[in-house]
């Protein structure tokens, strides 16, 4: 049984995201595909893909108008898809960095959540 009081070992908060991603396996150049970003942190992303990658694969992700380069940390099968964790090594977003991408995704997530929230003024 896992103790629910164990503190998470993560250094950075994960920000939920729903953004399309295109991925290219640089280790095996004939592998490429599309999927969805599930969450983003300052050091990496979790994506849901139809493409099965392998831990250690070097990848290029095209997301939100920028390119991320990294390596696969884990792959877990989920309902005929693959949840894939990628540690980001380099980001090419003009002058931006992964922190700004996290902030942009976080801002979009906050807008979506506030749009879903009921407006108390309308219920009167």
PDB file of N, CA and C in Angstrom:
ATOM      1  N   UNK A   1       0.841  -1.189   0.000  1.00  0.00           N
ATOM      2  CA  UNK A   1       0.000   0.000   0.000  1.00  0.00           C
ATOM      3  C   UNK A   1       0.881   1.246   0.000  1.00  0.00           C
ATOM      4  N   UNK A   2       0.532   2.241  -0.802  1.00  0.00           N
ATOM      5  CA  UNK A   2       1.315   3.458  -0.921  1.00  0.00           C
ATOM      6  C   UNK A   2       0.818   4.475   0.094  1.00  0.00           C
ATOM      7  N   UNK A   3       1.737   5.090   0.806  1.00  0.00           N
ATOM      8  CA  UNK A   3       1.400   6.109   1.793  1.00  0.00           C
ATOM      9  C   UNK A   3       1.053   7.406   1.070  1.00  0.00           C
ATOM     10  N   UNK A   4      -0.157   7.903   1.252  1.00  0.00           N
ATOM     11  CA  UNK A   4      -0.602   9.111   0.553  1.00  0.00           C
ATOM     12  C   UNK A   4       0.073  10.368   1.079  1.00  0.00           C
ATOM     13  N   UNK A   5       0.824  10.256   2.175  1.00  0.00           N
ATOM     14  CA  UNK A   5       1.506  11.427   2.720  1.00  0.00           C
ATOM     15  C   UNK A   5       2.886  11.630   2.115  1.00  0.00           C
ATOM     16  N   UNK A   6       3.311  10.711   1.241  1.00  0.00           N
ATOM     17  CA  UNK A   6       4.622  10.855   0.602  1.00  0.00           C
ATOM     18  C   UNK A   6       4.618  12.105  -0.270  1.00  0.00           C
ATOM     19  N   UNK A   7       5.637  12.900  -0.122  1.00  0.00           N
ATOM     20  CA  UNK A   7       5.756  14.144  -0.878  1.00  0.00           C
ATOM     21  C   UNK A   7       6.248  13.827  -2.282  1.00  0.00           C
ATOM     22  N   UNK A   8       5.667  14.489  -3.272  1.00  0.00           N
ATOM     23  CA  UNK A   8       6.087  14.291  -4.656  1.00  0.00           C
ATOM     24  C   UNK A   8       7.546  14.701  -4.827  1.00  0.00           C
ATOM     25  N   UNK A   9       8.270  13.936  -5.623  1.00  0.00           N
ATOM     26  CA  UNK A   9       9.670  14.234  -5.886  1.00  0.00           C
ATOM     27  C   UNK A   9       9.840  15.183  -7.065  1.00  0.00           C
ATOM     28  N   UNK A  10       8.763  15.611  -7.682  1.00  0.00           N
ATOM     29  CA  UNK A  10       8.849  16.510  -8.831  1.00  0.00           C
ATOM     30  C   UNK A  10       9.337  17.885  -8.397  1.00  0.00           C
ATOM     31  N   UNK A  11      10.236  18.434  -9.194  1.00  0.00           N
ATOM     32  CA  UNK A  11      10.754  19.766  -8.907  1.00  0.00           C
ATOM     33  C   UNK A  11       9.852  20.858  -9.472  1.00  0.00           C
ATOM     34  N   UNK A  12       9.155  20.548 -10.560  1.00  0.00           N
ATOM     35  CA  UNK A  12       8.346  21.559 -11.246  1.00  0.00           C
ATOM     36  C   UNK A  12       6.905  21.086 -11.378  1.00  0.00           C
ATOM     37  N   UNK A  13       5.994  22.030 -11.255  1.00  0.00           N
ATOM     38  CA  UNK A  13       4.574  21.735 -11.386  1.00  0.00           C
ATOM     39  C   UNK A  13       4.248  21.344 -12.828  1.00  0.00           C
ATOM     40  N   UNK A  14       3.341  20.375 -12.963  1.00  0.00           N
ATOM     41  CA  UNK A  14       2.836  20.018 -14.288  1.00  0.00           C
ATOM     42  C   UNK A  14       1.610  20.871 -14.570  1.00  0.00           C
ATOM     43  N   UNK A  15       1.554  21.424 -15.761  1.00  0.00           N
ATOM     44  CA  UNK A  15       0.418  22.241 -16.173  1.00  0.00           C
ATOM     45  C   UNK A  15      -0.356  21.448 -17.216  1.00  0.00           C
ATOM     46  N   UNK A  16      -1.637  21.146 -16.944  1.00  0.00           N
ATOM     47  CA  UNK A  16      -2.422  20.403 -17.939  1.00  0.00           C
ATOM     48  C   UNK A  16      -2.524  21.189 -19.245  1.00  0.00           C
ATOM     49  N   UNK A  17      -2.558  20.468 -20.349  1.00  0.00           N
ATOM     50  CA  UNK A  17      -2.625  21.109 -21.664  1.00  0.00           C
ATOM     51  C   UNK A  17      -3.431  20.221 -22.604  1.00  0.00           C
ATOM     52  N   UNK A  18      -4.001  20.828 -23.600  1.00  0.00           N
ATOM     53  CA  UNK A  18      -4.657  20.095 -24.688  1.00  0.00           C
ATOM     54  C   UNK A  18      -4.242  20.771 -25.977  1.00  0.00           C
ATOM     55  N   UNK A  19      -3.035  20.458 -26.406  1.00  0.00           N
ATOM     56  CA  UNK A  19      -2.454  21.083 -27.587  1.00  0.00           C
ATOM     57  C   UNK A  19      -1.962  19.996 -28.525  1.00  0.00           C
ATOM     58  N   UNK A  20      -2.222  20.169 -29.805  1.00  0.00           N
ATOM     59  CA  UNK A  20      -1.755  19.182 -30.777  1.00  0.00           C
ATOM     60  C   UNK A  20      -0.231  19.253 -30.890  1.00  0.00           C
ATOM     61  N   UNK A  21       0.374  18.099 -31.122  1.00  0.00           N
ATOM     62  CA  UNK A  21       1.819  18.015 -31.275  1.00  0.00           C
ATOM     63  C   UNK A  21       2.150  17.105 -32.449  1.00  0.00           C
ATOM     64  N   UNK A  22       3.187  17.461 -33.180  1.00  0.00           N
ATOM     65  CA  UNK A  22       3.726  16.609 -34.240  1.00  0.00           C
ATOM     66  C   UNK A  22       5.106  16.189 -33.764  1.00  0.00           C
ATOM     67  N   UNK A  23       5.388  14.894 -33.860  1.00  0.00           N
ATOM     68  CA  UNK A  23       6.637  14.373 -33.319  1.00  0.00           C
ATOM     69  C   UNK A  23       7.399  13.595 -34.375  1.00  0.00           C
ATOM     70  N   UNK A  24       8.716  13.765 -34.349  1.00  0.00           N
ATOM     71  CA  UNK A  24       9.606  13.063 -35.274  1.00  0.00           C
ATOM     72  C   UNK A  24      10.654  12.348 -34.433  1.00  0.00           C
ATOM     73  N   UNK A  25      10.834  11.059 -34.674  1.00  0.00           N
ATOM     74  CA  UNK A  25      11.845  10.285 -33.966  1.00  0.00           C
ATOM     75  C   UNK A  25      13.178  10.490 -34.685  1.00  0.00           C
ATOM     76  N   UNK A  26      14.102  11.177 -34.051  1.00  0.00           N
ATOM     77  CA  UNK A  26      15.406  11.443 -34.668  1.00  0.00           C
ATOM     78  C   UNK A  26      16.315  10.223 -34.605  1.00  0.00           C
ATOM     79  N   UNK A  27      16.013   9.294 -33.698  1.00  0.00           N
ATOM     80  CA  UNK A  27      16.781   8.051 -33.601  1.00  0.00           C
ATOM     81  C   UNK A  27      16.421   7.113 -34.747  1.00  0.00           C
ATOM     82  N   UNK A  28      15.135   7.108 -35.113  1.00  0.00           N
ATOM     83  CA  UNK A  28      14.632   6.293 -36.226  1.00  0.00           C
ATOM     84  C   UNK A  28      13.853   7.231 -37.146  1.00  0.00           C
ATOM     85  N   UNK A  29      14.522   7.899 -38.074  1.00  0.00           N
ATOM     86  CA  UNK A  29      13.911   8.958 -38.885  1.00  0.00           C
ATOM     87  C   UNK A  29      12.660   8.559 -39.666  1.00  0.00           C
ATOM     88  N   UNK A  30      12.409   7.262 -39.855  1.00  0.00           N
ATOM     89  CA  UNK A  30      11.205   6.861 -40.582  1.00  0.00           C
ATOM     90  C   UNK A  30       9.971   6.895 -39.683  1.00  0.00           C
ATOM     91  N   UNK A  31      10.133   7.171 -38.387  1.00  0.00           N
ATOM     92  CA  UNK A  31       8.996   7.246 -37.467  1.00  0.00           C
ATOM     93  C   UNK A  31       8.605   8.696 -37.217  1.00  0.00           C
ATOM     94  N   UNK A  32       7.343   9.006 -37.485  1.00  0.00           N
ATOM     95  CA  UNK A  32       6.792  10.336 -37.221  1.00  0.00           C
ATOM     96  C   UNK A  32       5.301  10.183 -37.008  1.00  0.00           C
ATOM     97  N   UNK A  33       4.712  11.125 -36.290  1.00  0.00           N
ATOM     98  CA  UNK A  33       3.277  11.062 -36.053  1.00  0.00           C
ATOM     99  C   UNK A  33       2.777  12.296 -35.340  1.00  0.00           C
ATOM    100  N   UNK A  34       1.500  12.268 -35.006  1.00  0.00           N
ATOM    101  CA  UNK A  34       0.845  13.370 -34.307  1.00  0.00           C
ATOM    102  C   UNK A  34       0.188  12.841 -33.052  1.00  0.00           C
ATOM    103  N   UNK A  35      -0.099  13.759 -32.146  1.00  0.00           N
ATOM    104  CA  UNK A  35      -0.781  13.391 -30.913  1.00  0.00           C
ATOM    105  C   UNK A  35      -1.179  14.635 -30.157  1.00  0.00           C
ATOM    106  N   UNK A  36      -1.319  14.491 -28.831  1.00  0.00           N
ATOM    107  CA  UNK A  36      -1.769  15.587 -27.978  1.00  0.00           C
ATOM    108  C   UNK A  36      -0.846  15.749 -26.792  1.00  0.00           C
ATOM    109  N   UNK A  37      -0.545  16.983 -26.467  1.00  0.00           N
ATOM    110  CA  UNK A  37       0.196  17.281 -25.246  1.00  0.00           C
ATOM    111  C   UNK A  37      -0.787  17.145 -24.091  1.00  0.00           C
ATOM    112  N   UNK A  38      -0.424  16.368 -23.081  1.00  0.00           N
ATOM    113  CA  UNK A  38      -1.267  16.173 -21.905  1.00  0.00           C
ATOM    114  C   UNK A  38      -0.922  17.161 -20.802  1.00  0.00           C
ATOM    115  N   UNK A  39       0.370  17.358 -20.590  1.00  0.00           N
ATOM    116  CA  UNK A  39       0.819  18.343 -19.607  1.00  0.00           C
ATOM    117  C   UNK A  39       2.242  18.777 -19.923  1.00  0.00           C
ATOM    118  N   UNK A  40       2.606  19.924 -19.335  1.00  0.00           N
ATOM    119  CA  UNK A  40       3.905  20.537 -19.580  1.00  0.00           C
ATOM    120  C   UNK A  40       4.491  20.952 -18.238  1.00  0.00           C
ATOM    121  N   UNK A  41       5.791  20.790 -18.077  1.00  0.00           N
ATOM    122  CA  UNK A  41       6.486  21.349 -16.919  1.00  0.00           C
ATOM    123  C   UNK A  41       7.699  22.105 -17.456  1.00  0.00           C
ATOM    124  N   UNK A  42       8.492  22.662 -16.558  1.00  0.00           N
ATOM    125  CA  UNK A  42       9.652  23.422 -17.013  1.00  0.00           C
ATOM    126  C   UNK A  42      10.757  22.538 -17.566  1.00  0.00           C
ATOM    127  N   UNK A  43      10.653  21.230 -17.388  1.00  0.00           N
ATOM    128  CA  UNK A  43      11.705  20.340 -17.877  1.00  0.00           C
ATOM    129  C   UNK A  43      11.232  19.322 -18.901  1.00  0.00           C
ATOM    130  N   UNK A  44       9.929  19.259 -19.156  1.00  0.00           N
ATOM    131  CA  UNK A  44       9.471  18.266 -20.109  1.00  0.00           C
ATOM    132  C   UNK A  44       7.995  18.323 -20.390  1.00  0.00           C
ATOM    133  N   UNK A  45       7.549  17.356 -21.202  1.00  0.00           N
ATOM    134  CA  UNK A  45       6.145  17.263 -21.586  1.00  0.00           C
ATOM    135  C   UNK A  45       5.705  15.807 -21.543  1.00  0.00           C
ATOM    136  N   UNK A  46       4.414  15.623 -21.325  1.00  0.00           N
ATOM    137  CA  UNK A  46       3.802  14.301 -21.480  1.00  0.00           C
ATOM    138  C   UNK A  46       2.867  14.406 -22.676  1.00  0.00           C
ATOM    139  N   UNK A  47       2.981  13.454 -23.594  1.00  0.00           N
ATOM    140  CA  UNK A  47       2.170  13.467 -24.804  1.00  0.00           C
ATOM    141  C   UNK A  47       1.463  12.125 -24.958  1.00  0.00           C
ATOM    142  N   UNK A  48       0.340  12.137 -25.647  1.00  0.00           N
ATOM    143  CA  UNK A  48      -0.391  10.919 -25.969  1.00  0.00           C
ATOM    144  C   UNK A  48      -0.277  10.709 -27.470  1.00  0.00           C
ATOM    145  N   UNK A  49       0.302   9.560 -27.843  1.00  0.00           N
ATOM    146  CA  UNK A  49       0.612   9.280 -29.248  1.00  0.00           C
ATOM    147  C   UNK A  49       0.059   7.931 -29.678  1.00  0.00           C
ATOM    148  N   UNK A  50      -0.173   7.776 -30.970  1.00  0.00           N
ATOM    149  CA  UNK A  50      -0.448   6.462 -31.549  1.00  0.00           C
ATOM    150  C   UNK A  50       0.870   5.751 -31.838  1.00  0.00           C
ATOM    151  N   UNK A  51       1.922   6.517 -31.962  1.00  0.00           N
ATOM    152  CA  UNK A  51       3.262   6.042 -32.279  1.00  0.00           C
ATOM    153  C   UNK A  51       3.939   5.521 -31.017  1.00  0.00           C
ATOM    154  N   UNK A  52       4.490   4.320 -31.093  1.00  0.00           N
ATOM    155  CA  UNK A  52       5.202   3.752 -29.935  1.00  0.00           C
ATOM    156  C   UNK A  52       6.680   4.090 -30.048  1.00  0.00           C
ATOM    157  N   UNK A  53       7.149   4.916 -29.130  1.00  0.00           N
ATOM    158  CA  UNK A  53       8.563   5.240 -29.045  1.00  0.00           C
ATOM    159  C   UNK A  53       9.199   4.368 -27.966  1.00  0.00           C
ATOM    160  N   UNK A  54      10.512   4.478 -27.809  1.00  0.00           N
ATOM    161  CA  UNK A  54      11.245   3.678 -26.841  1.00  0.00           C
ATOM    162  C   UNK A  54      12.043   4.629 -25.949  1.00  0.00           C
ATOM    163  N   UNK A  55      12.146   4.302 -24.670  1.00  0.00           N
ATOM    164  CA  UNK A  55      12.961   5.113 -23.758  1.00  0.00           C
ATOM    165  C   UNK A  55      14.341   5.326 -24.360  1.00  0.00           C
ATOM    166  N   UNK A  56      14.777   6.571 -24.339  1.00  0.00           N
ATOM    167  CA  UNK A  56      16.081   6.913 -24.899  1.00  0.00           C
ATOM    168  C   UNK A  56      16.021   7.487 -26.298  1.00  0.00           C
ATOM    169  N   UNK A  57      14.903   7.278 -27.024  1.00  0.00           N
ATOM    170  CA  UNK A  57      14.786   7.854 -28.369  1.00  0.00           C
ATOM    171  C   UNK A  57      14.938   9.373 -28.308  1.00  0.00           C
ATOM    172  N   UNK A  58      15.676   9.929 -29.257  1.00  0.00           N
ATOM    173  CA  UNK A  58      15.783  11.376 -29.409  1.00  0.00           C
ATOM    174  C   UNK A  58      14.651  11.824 -30.311  1.00  0.00           C
ATOM    175  N   UNK A  59      13.947  12.887 -29.910  1.00  0.00           N
ATOM    176  CA  UNK A  59      12.766  13.310 -30.656  1.00  0.00           C
ATOM    177  C   UNK A  59      12.752  14.821 -30.875  1.00  0.00           C
ATOM    178  N   UNK A  60      12.009  15.195 -31.903  1.00  0.00           N
ATOM    179  CA  UNK A  60      11.712  16.596 -32.187  1.00  0.00           C
ATOM    180  C   UNK A  60      10.210  16.745 -32.120  1.00  0.00           C
ATOM    181  N   UNK A  61       9.739  17.722 -31.346  1.00  0.00           N
ATOM    182  CA  UNK A  61       8.307  17.987 -31.241  1.00  0.00           C
ATOM    183  C   UNK A  61       8.017  19.363 -31.823  1.00  0.00           C
ATOM    184  N   UNK A  62       7.007  19.449 -32.671  1.00  0.00           N
ATOM    185  CA  UNK A  62       6.521  20.733 -33.169  1.00  0.00           C
ATOM    186  C   UNK A  62       5.242  21.028 -32.412  1.00  0.00           C
ATOM    187  N   UNK A  63       5.284  22.075 -31.593  1.00  0.00           N
ATOM    188  CA  UNK A  63       4.168  22.396 -30.711  1.00  0.00           C
ATOM    189  C   UNK A  63       4.052  23.893 -30.525  1.00  0.00           C
ATOM    190  N   UNK A  64       2.846  24.392 -30.618  1.00  0.00           N
ATOM    191  CA  UNK A  64       2.544  25.806 -30.348  1.00  0.00           C
ATOM    192  C   UNK A  64       3.494  26.758 -31.071  1.00  0.00           C
ATOM    193  N   UNK A  65       3.800  26.462 -32.317  1.00  0.00           N
ATOM    194  CA  UNK A  65       4.637  27.355 -33.111  1.00  0.00           C
ATOM    195  C   UNK A  65       6.119  27.263 -32.828  1.00  0.00           C
ATOM    196  N   UNK A  66       6.547  26.252 -32.095  1.00  0.00           N
ATOM    197  CA  UNK A  66       7.963  26.116 -31.792  1.00  0.00           C
ATOM    198  C   UNK A  66       8.414  24.674 -31.896  1.00  0.00           C
ATOM    199  N   UNK A  67       9.710  24.489 -31.788  1.00  0.00           N
ATOM    200  CA  UNK A  67      10.283  23.149 -31.833  1.00  0.00           C
ATOM    201  C   UNK A  67      10.932  22.837 -30.502  1.00  0.00           C
ATOM    202  N   UNK A  68      10.669  21.638 -29.994  1.00  0.00           N
ATOM    203  CA  UNK A  68      11.325  21.150 -28.796  1.00  0.00           C
ATOM    204  C   UNK A  68      12.122  19.926 -29.177  1.00  0.00           C
ATOM    205  N   UNK A  69      13.290  19.787 -28.598  1.00  0.00           N
ATOM    206  CA  UNK A  69      14.116  18.608 -28.792  1.00  0.00           C
ATOM    207  C   UNK A  69      14.329  17.957 -27.443  1.00  0.00           C
ATOM    208  N   UNK A  70      14.239  16.649 -27.399  1.00  0.00           N
ATOM    209  CA  UNK A  70      14.429  15.973 -26.133  1.00  0.00           C
ATOM    210  C   UNK A  70      14.612  14.484 -26.318  1.00  0.00           C
ATOM    211  N   UNK A  71      14.503  13.771 -25.204  1.00  0.00           N
ATOM    212  CA  UNK A  71      14.604  12.316 -25.261  1.00  0.00           C
ATOM    213  C   UNK A  71      13.483  11.698 -24.436  1.00  0.00           C
ATOM    214  N   UNK A  72      13.067  10.526 -24.871  1.00  0.00           N
ATOM    215  CA  UNK A  72      11.959   9.820 -24.238  1.00  0.00           C
ATOM    216  C   UNK A  72      12.432   9.248 -22.906  1.00  0.00           C
ATOM    217  N   UNK A  73      11.664   9.531 -21.862  1.00  0.00           N
ATOM    218  CA  UNK A  73      11.960   9.038 -20.520  1.00  0.00           C
ATOM    219  C   UNK A  73      11.156   7.774 -20.233  1.00  0.00           C
ATOM    220  N   UNK A  74       9.867   7.790 -20.598  1.00  0.00           N
ATOM    221  CA  UNK A  74       9.015   6.620 -20.350  1.00  0.00           C
ATOM    222  C   UNK A  74       7.943   6.516 -21.413  1.00  0.00           C
ATOM    223  N   UNK A  75       7.416   5.314 -21.577  1.00  0.00           N
ATOM    224  CA  UNK A  75       6.293   5.049 -22.475  1.00  0.00           C
ATOM    225  C   UNK A  75       5.362   4.092 -21.743  1.00  0.00           C
ATOM    226  N   UNK A  76       4.085   4.481 -21.637  1.00  0.00           N
ATOM    227  CA  UNK A  76       3.075   3.632 -21.003  1.00  0.00           C
ATOM    228  C   UNK A  76       1.879   3.491 -21.935  1.00  0.00           C
ATOM    229  N   UNK A  77       1.468   2.251 -22.154  1.00  0.00           N
ATOM    230  CA  UNK A  77       0.311   2.021 -23.017  1.00  0.00           C
ATOM    231  C   UNK A  77      -0.957   2.444 -22.295  1.00  0.00           C
ATOM    232  N   UNK A  78      -1.829   3.179 -22.999  1.00  0.00           N
ATOM    233  CA  UNK A  78      -3.112   3.641 -22.467  1.00  0.00           C
ATOM    234  C   UNK A  78      -4.166   3.545 -23.561  1.00  0.00           C
ATOM    235  N   UNK A  79      -5.045   2.559 -23.471  1.00  0.00           N
ATOM    236  CA  UNK A  79      -6.171   2.433 -24.410  1.00  0.00           C
ATOM    237  C   UNK A  79      -5.743   2.550 -25.871  1.00  0.00           C
ATOM    238  N   UNK A  80      -4.847   1.698 -26.291  1.00  0.00           N
ATOM    239  CA  UNK A  80      -4.371   1.637 -27.675  1.00  0.00           C
ATOM    240  C   UNK A  80      -3.557   2.854 -28.103  1.00  0.00           C
ATOM    241  N   UNK A  81      -3.181   3.705 -27.150  1.00  0.00           N
ATOM    242  CA  UNK A  81      -2.282   4.827 -27.402  1.00  0.00           C
ATOM    243  C   UNK A  81      -1.117   4.709 -26.422  1.00  0.00           C
ATOM    244  N   UNK A  82      -0.176   5.643 -26.522  1.00  0.00           N
ATOM    245  CA  UNK A  82       1.002   5.581 -25.671  1.00  0.00           C
ATOM    246  C   UNK A  82       1.247   6.927 -25.004  1.00  0.00           C
ATOM    247  N   UNK A  83       1.140   6.933 -23.678  1.00  0.00           N
ATOM    248  CA  UNK A  83       1.503   8.117 -22.906  1.00  0.00           C
ATOM    249  C   UNK A  83       3.020   8.122 -22.847  1.00  0.00           C
ATOM    250  N   UNK A  84       3.618   9.206 -23.325  1.00  0.00           N
ATOM    251  CA  UNK A  84       5.063   9.272 -23.485  1.00  0.00           C
ATOM    252  C   UNK A  84       5.603  10.500 -22.771  1.00  0.00           C
ATOM    253  N   UNK A  85       6.546  10.285 -21.863  1.00  0.00           N
ATOM    254  CA  UNK A  85       7.193  11.385 -21.153  1.00  0.00           C
ATOM    255  C   UNK A  85       8.485  11.750 -21.845  1.00  0.00           C
ATOM    256  N   UNK A  86       8.656  13.033 -22.104  1.00  0.00           N
ATOM    257  CA  UNK A  86       9.827  13.505 -22.843  1.00  0.00           C
ATOM    258  C   UNK A  86      10.529  14.594 -22.046  1.00  0.00           C
ATOM    259  N   UNK A  87      11.806  14.380 -21.753  1.00  0.00           N
ATOM    260  CA  UNK A  87      12.637  15.405 -21.128  1.00  0.00           C
ATOM    261  C   UNK A  87      13.135  16.331 -22.223  1.00  0.00           C
ATOM    262  N   UNK A  88      12.883  17.608 -22.074  1.00  0.00           N
ATOM    263  CA  UNK A  88      13.231  18.575 -23.116  1.00  0.00           C
ATOM    264  C   UNK A  88      14.667  19.039 -22.933  1.00  0.00           C
ATOM    265  N   UNK A  89      15.409  19.007 -24.035  1.00  0.00           N
ATOM    266  CA  UNK A  89      16.816  19.416 -24.034  1.00  0.00           C
ATOM    267  C   UNK A  89      16.994  20.828 -24.577  1.00  0.00           C
ATOM    268  N   UNK A  90      16.261  21.148 -25.626  1.00  0.00           N
ATOM    269  CA  UNK A  90      16.441  22.431 -26.284  1.00  0.00           C
ATOM    270  C   UNK A  90      15.101  22.878 -26.848  1.00  0.00           C
ATOM    271  N   UNK A  91      14.851  24.164 -26.781  1.00  0.00           N
ATOM    272  CA  UNK A  91      13.621  24.729 -27.305  1.00  0.00           C
ATOM    273  C   UNK A  91      13.970  25.835 -28.288  1.00  0.00           C
ATOM    274  N   UNK A  92      13.355  25.790 -29.456  1.00  0.00           N
ATOM    275  CA  UNK A  92      13.557  26.846 -30.443  1.00  0.00           C
ATOM    276  C   UNK A  92      12.226  27.548 -30.680  1.00  0.00           C
ATOM    277  N   UNK A  93      12.024  28.653 -29.973  1.00  0.00           N
ATOM    278  CA  UNK A  93      10.783  29.424 -30.069  1.00  0.00           C
ATOM    279  C   UNK A  93      11.127  30.898 -30.295  1.00  0.00           C
ATOM    280  N   UNK A  94      12.005  31.166 -31.188  1.00  0.00           N
ATOM    281  CA  UNK A  94      12.462  32.542 -31.316  1.00  0.00           C
ATOM    282  C   UNK A  94      13.232  32.890 -30.053  1.00  0.00           C
ATOM    283  N   UNK A  95      12.779  33.894 -29.322  1.00  0.00           N
ATOM    284  CA  UNK A  95      13.445  34.282 -28.084  1.00  0.00           C
ATOM    285  C   UNK A  95      12.840  33.605 -26.861  1.00  0.00           C
ATOM    286  N   UNK A  96      11.809  32.807 -27.058  1.00  0.00           N
ATOM    287  CA  UNK A  96      11.131  32.184 -25.932  1.00  0.00           C
ATOM    288  C   UNK A  96      11.888  30.975 -25.419  1.00  0.00           C
ATOM    289  N   UNK A  97      11.451  30.473 -24.284  1.00  0.00           N
ATOM    290  CA  UNK A  97      11.991  29.259 -23.722  1.00  0.00           C
ATOM    291  C   UNK A  97      10.843  28.404 -23.211  1.00  0.00           C
ATOM    292  N   UNK A  98      11.159  27.243 -22.667  1.00  0.00           N
ATOM    293  CA  UNK A  98      10.117  26.332 -22.206  1.00  0.00           C
ATOM    294  C   UNK A  98       9.283  26.946 -21.094  1.00  0.00           C
ATOM    295  N   UNK A  99       9.884  27.796 -20.268  1.00  0.00           N
ATOM    296  CA  UNK A  99       9.144  28.456 -19.199  1.00  0.00           C
ATOM    297  C   UNK A  99       8.016  29.300 -19.774  1.00  0.00           C
ATOM    298  N   UNK A 100       8.284  30.016 -20.842  1.00  0.00           N
ATOM    299  CA  UNK A 100       7.233  30.831 -21.475  1.00  0.00           C
ATOM    300  C   UNK A 100       6.146  29.951 -22.081  1.00  0.00           C
ATOM    301  N   UNK A 101       6.542  28.799 -22.636  1.00  0.00           N
ATOM    302  CA  UNK A 101       5.551  27.872 -23.167  1.00  0.00           C
ATOM    303  C   UNK A 101       4.651  27.379 -22.046  1.00  0.00           C
ATOM    304  N   UNK A 102       5.252  27.042 -20.909  1.00  0.00           N
ATOM    305  CA  UNK A 102       4.465  26.608 -19.747  1.00  0.00           C
ATOM    306  C   UNK A 102       3.499  27.712 -19.339  1.00  0.00           C
ATOM    307  N   UNK A 103       3.976  28.952 -19.294  1.00  0.00           N
ATOM    308  CA  UNK A 103       3.120  30.067 -18.912  1.00  0.00           C
ATOM    309  C   UNK A 103       1.985  30.264 -19.905  1.00  0.00           C
ATOM    310  N   UNK A 104       2.266  30.124 -21.193  1.00  0.00           N
ATOM    311  CA  UNK A 104       1.222  30.281 -22.210  1.00  0.00           C
ATOM    312  C   UNK A 104       0.172  29.192 -22.085  1.00  0.00           C
ATOM    313  N   UNK A 105       0.614  27.947 -21.898  1.00  0.00           N
ATOM    314  CA  UNK A 105      -0.326  26.839 -21.753  1.00  0.00           C
ATOM    315  C   UNK A 105      -1.139  27.021 -20.476  1.00  0.00           C
ATOM    316  N   UNK A 106      -0.489  27.455 -19.403  1.00  0.00           N
ATOM    317  CA  UNK A 106      -1.165  27.682 -18.126  1.00  0.00           C
ATOM    318  C   UNK A 106      -2.223  28.771 -18.273  1.00  0.00           C
ATOM    319  N   UNK A 107      -1.892  29.827 -18.978  1.00  0.00           N
ATOM    320  CA  UNK A 107      -2.830  30.923 -19.202  1.00  0.00           C
ATOM    321  C   UNK A 107      -4.044  30.450 -19.995  1.00  0.00           C
ATOM    322  N   UNK A 108      -3.810  29.645 -21.036  1.00  0.00           N
ATOM    323  CA  UNK A 108      -4.916  29.110 -21.834  1.00  0.00           C
ATOM    324  C   UNK A 108      -5.788  28.183 -20.995  1.00  0.00           C
ATOM    325  N   UNK A 109      -5.166  27.356 -20.151  1.00  0.00           N
ATOM    326  CA  UNK A 109      -5.924  26.446 -19.287  1.00  0.00           C
ATOM    327  C   UNK A 109      -6.790  27.240 -18.320  1.00  0.00           C
ATOM    328  N   UNK A 110      -6.261  28.338 -17.787  1.00  0.00           N
ATOM    329  CA  UNK A 110      -7.027  29.175 -16.859  1.00  0.00           C
ATOM    330  C   UNK A 110      -8.220  29.807 -17.567  1.00  0.00           C
ATOM    331  N   UNK A 111      -8.038  30.241 -18.815  1.00  0.00           N
ATOM    332  CA  UNK A 111      -9.145  30.829 -19.582  1.00  0.00           C
ATOM    333  C   UNK A 111     -10.254  29.804 -19.807  1.00  0.00           C
ATOM    334  N   UNK A 112      -9.863  28.575 -20.148  1.00  0.00           N
ATOM    335  CA  UNK A 112     -10.843  27.516 -20.384  1.00  0.00           C
ATOM    336  C   UNK A 112     -11.611  27.216 -19.100  1.00  0.00           C
ATOM    337  N   UNK A 113     -10.900  27.117 -17.970  1.00  0.00           N
ATOM    338  CA  UNK A 113     -11.546  26.832 -16.693  1.00  0.00           C
ATOM    339  C   UNK A 113     -12.501  27.949 -16.292  1.00  0.00           C
ATOM    340  N   UNK A 114     -12.114  29.214 -16.517  1.00  0.00           N
ATOM    341  CA  UNK A 114     -12.996  30.306 -16.139  1.00  0.00           C
ATOM    342  C   UNK A 114     -14.209  30.375 -17.063  1.00  0.00           C
ATOM    343  N   UNK A 115     -14.054  29.935 -18.300  1.00  0.00           N
ATOM    344  CA  UNK A 115     -15.189  29.899 -19.223  1.00  0.00           C
ATOM    345  C   UNK A 115     -16.182  28.814 -18.822  1.00  0.00           C
ATOM    346  N   UNK A 116     -15.672  27.733 -18.219  1.00  0.00           N
ATOM    347  CA  UNK A 116     -16.527  26.623 -17.787  1.00  0.00           C
ATOM    348  C   UNK A 116     -17.255  26.947 -16.486  1.00  0.00           C
ATOM    349  N   UNK A 117     -16.677  27.846 -15.675  1.00  0.00           N
ATOM    350  CA  UNK A 117     -17.246  28.146 -14.364  1.00  0.00           C
ATOM    351  C   UNK A 117     -18.565  28.902 -14.524  1.00  0.00           C
ATOM    352  N   UNK A 118     -19.564  28.585 -13.700  1.00  0.00           N
ATOM    353  CA  UNK A 118     -20.841  29.294 -13.785  1.00  0.00           C
ATOM    354  C   UNK A 118     -20.671  30.740 -13.360  1.00  0.00           C
ATOM    355  N   UNK A 119     -21.373  31.621 -14.018  1.00  0.00           N
ATOM    356  CA  UNK A 119     -21.331  33.030 -13.682  1.00  0.00           C
ATOM    357  C   UNK A 119     -22.432  33.320 -12.676  1.00  0.00           C
ATOM    358  N   UNK A 120     -22.095  33.693 -11.417  1.00  0.00           N
ATOM    359  CA  UNK A 120     -23.115  33.924 -10.388  1.00  0.00           C
ATOM    360  C   UNK A 120     -24.076  35.036 -10.754  1.00  0.00           C
ATOM    361  N   UNK A 121     -23.624  36.041 -11.516  1.00  0.00           N
ATOM    362  CA  UNK A 121     -24.495  37.141 -11.897  1.00  0.00           C
ATOM    363  C   UNK A 121     -25.611  36.673 -12.824  1.00  0.00           C
ATOM    364  N   UNK A 122     -25.343  35.626 -13.627  1.00  0.00           N
ATOM    365  CA  UNK A 122     -26.345  35.140 -14.570  1.00  0.00           C
ATOM    366  C   UNK A 122     -27.407  34.295 -13.880  1.00  0.00           C
ATOM    367  N   UNK A 123     -27.088  33.747 -12.710  1.00  0.00           N
ATOM    368  CA  UNK A 123     -28.052  32.864 -12.056  1.00  0.00           C
ATOM    369  C   UNK A 123     -29.062  33.618 -11.225  1.00  0.00           C
ATOM    370  N   UNK A 124     -28.920  34.919 -11.095  1.00  0.00           N
ATOM    371  CA  UNK A 124     -29.884  35.701 -10.306  1.00  0.00           C
ATOM    372  C   UNK A 124     -31.075  36.109 -11.115  1.00  0.00           C
TER     373      UNK A 124
END
